């Protein structure tokens, strides 16, 4: 449970969420730091701090290739976080929402 809290905490910051979404769109190959910096337009030290936070909580992986570091989404841990939200946190919510929608009164047009 603690790991999920750390992951949500990391994604709860606007810049980190923007970085994470950028890397989701980049796909499994990810992007190098220079490209990420060009896209999110923030100082290198700030970007480094955010990438580190997302990596420490397990949502990103970092891989060095020559002089460059590539960051990519850790799809296994991201899938577990999504599964936690949909199976553990929101179990049976669809039944409640569906029932309330079925029993809601309908309005007649005048």
Protein backbone atom coordinates (compact mmCIF):
# COMPACT_ATOMS: atom_id res chain seq x y z
CA UNK A 1 0.00 0.00 0.00
CA UNK A 2 2.84 2.41 0.83
CA UNK A 3 4.25 2.10 -2.67
CA UNK A 4 0.93 3.10 -4.23
CA UNK A 5 0.79 6.15 -1.96
CA UNK A 6 4.30 7.15 -3.09
CA UNK A 7 3.29 6.74 -6.73
CA UNK A 8 0.14 8.81 -6.34
CA UNK A 9 2.13 11.42 -4.45
CA UNK A 10 4.63 11.63 -7.30
CA UNK A 11 1.87 11.97 -9.90
CA UNK A 12 0.05 14.53 -7.74
CA UNK A 13 2.48 17.27 -8.78
CA UNK A 14 1.61 19.10 -12.00
CA UNK A 15 5.06 19.03 -13.62
CA UNK A 16 5.63 15.37 -12.78
CA UNK A 17 2.26 14.42 -14.20
CA UNK A 18 3.13 16.32 -17.39
CA UNK A 19 6.47 14.47 -17.64
CA UNK A 20 4.81 11.11 -16.99
CA UNK A 21 2.13 11.72 -19.63
CA UNK A 22 4.80 12.78 -22.13
CA UNK A 23 6.65 9.52 -21.53
CA UNK A 24 3.44 7.49 -21.80
CA UNK A 25 2.96 8.99 -25.28
CA UNK A 26 6.63 8.28 -26.12
CA UNK A 27 6.00 4.55 -25.78
CA UNK A 28 8.28 1.80 -24.49
CA UNK A 29 11.48 3.33 -25.90
CA UNK A 30 10.99 6.49 -23.81
CA UNK A 31 12.92 9.70 -24.44
CA UNK A 32 16.31 11.10 -23.61
CA UNK A 33 16.58 13.84 -21.01
CA UNK A 34 17.42 16.51 -23.59
CA UNK A 35 14.24 15.79 -25.54
CA UNK A 36 12.13 15.75 -22.38
CA UNK A 37 13.61 19.12 -21.36
CA UNK A 38 12.78 20.63 -24.76
CA UNK A 39 9.20 19.44 -24.49
CA UNK A 40 8.44 20.45 -20.89
CA UNK A 41 10.51 23.65 -20.86
CA UNK A 42 11.93 23.65 -17.34
CA UNK A 43 15.46 24.05 -15.94
CA UNK A 44 17.60 20.92 -16.01
CA UNK A 45 17.94 20.76 -12.23
CA UNK A 46 14.15 20.89 -11.77
CA UNK A 47 13.62 18.25 -14.44
CA UNK A 48 16.26 16.04 -12.83
CA UNK A 49 14.48 16.33 -9.47
CA UNK A 50 11.13 15.32 -11.01
CA UNK A 51 12.60 12.43 -13.02
CA UNK A 52 14.32 11.17 -9.88
CA UNK A 53 11.06 11.27 -7.90
CA UNK A 54 9.20 9.35 -10.61
CA UNK A 55 12.03 6.82 -10.86
CA UNK A 56 12.33 6.30 -7.09
CA UNK A 57 8.63 5.48 -6.77
CA UNK A 58 8.99 2.96 -9.61
CA UNK A 59 6.90 4.62 -12.33
CA UNK A 60 9.90 5.32 -14.58
CA UNK A 61 13.04 3.48 -15.55
CA UNK A 62 16.32 5.10 -16.55
CA UNK A 63 18.82 3.58 -18.96
CA UNK A 64 22.12 5.03 -20.07
CA UNK A 65 23.09 4.76 -23.72
CA UNK A 66 26.46 6.34 -24.36
CA UNK A 67 26.30 9.93 -23.13
CA UNK A 68 22.51 9.97 -22.92
CA UNK A 69 20.04 8.80 -20.29
CA UNK A 70 16.69 7.59 -21.54
CA UNK A 71 13.64 7.57 -19.30
CA UNK A 72 10.65 5.37 -20.01
CA UNK A 73 7.48 4.38 -18.23
CA UNK A 74 7.78 1.24 -16.13
CA UNK A 75 4.71 -0.36 -17.66
CA UNK A 76 4.60 -3.25 -15.17
CA UNK A 77 4.38 -0.96 -12.14
CA UNK A 78 2.07 1.46 -13.93
CA UNK A 79 -0.29 -1.41 -14.77
CA UNK A 80 -0.24 -2.51 -11.11
CA UNK A 81 -1.16 1.03 -10.03
CA UNK A 82 -4.06 1.11 -12.49
CA UNK A 83 -5.15 -2.36 -11.38
CA UNK A 84 -5.03 -1.22 -7.73
CA UNK A 85 -7.34 1.68 -8.53
CA UNK A 86 -9.82 -0.32 -10.54
CA UNK A 87 -9.87 -3.57 -8.57
CA UNK A 88 -9.02 -2.69 -4.98
CA UNK A 89 -10.18 0.89 -4.54
CA UNK A 90 -13.20 0.97 -6.79
CA UNK A 91 -14.44 -2.59 -6.60
CA UNK A 92 -18.13 -2.83 -7.43
CA UNK A 93 -18.41 0.92 -8.01
CA UNK A 94 -19.72 0.27 -11.49
CA UNK A 95 -22.62 -1.64 -9.95
CA UNK A 96 -23.51 1.28 -7.69
CA UNK A 97 -23.23 3.82 -10.48
CA UNK A 98 -25.23 1.64 -12.83
CA UNK A 99 -27.96 1.14 -10.25
CA UNK A 100 -28.25 4.84 -9.49
CA UNK A 101 -28.43 5.65 -13.20
CA UNK A 102 -31.19 3.05 -13.69
CA UNK A 103 -33.26 4.34 -10.79
CA UNK A 104 -32.82 8.05 -11.56
CA UNK A 105 -36.06 9.79 -12.49
CA UNK A 106 -36.37 10.85 -16.09
CA UNK A 107 -37.36 14.39 -16.96
CA UNK A 108 -40.04 15.10 -19.45
CA UNK A 109 -39.55 17.79 -22.02
CA UNK A 110 -42.08 20.59 -22.04
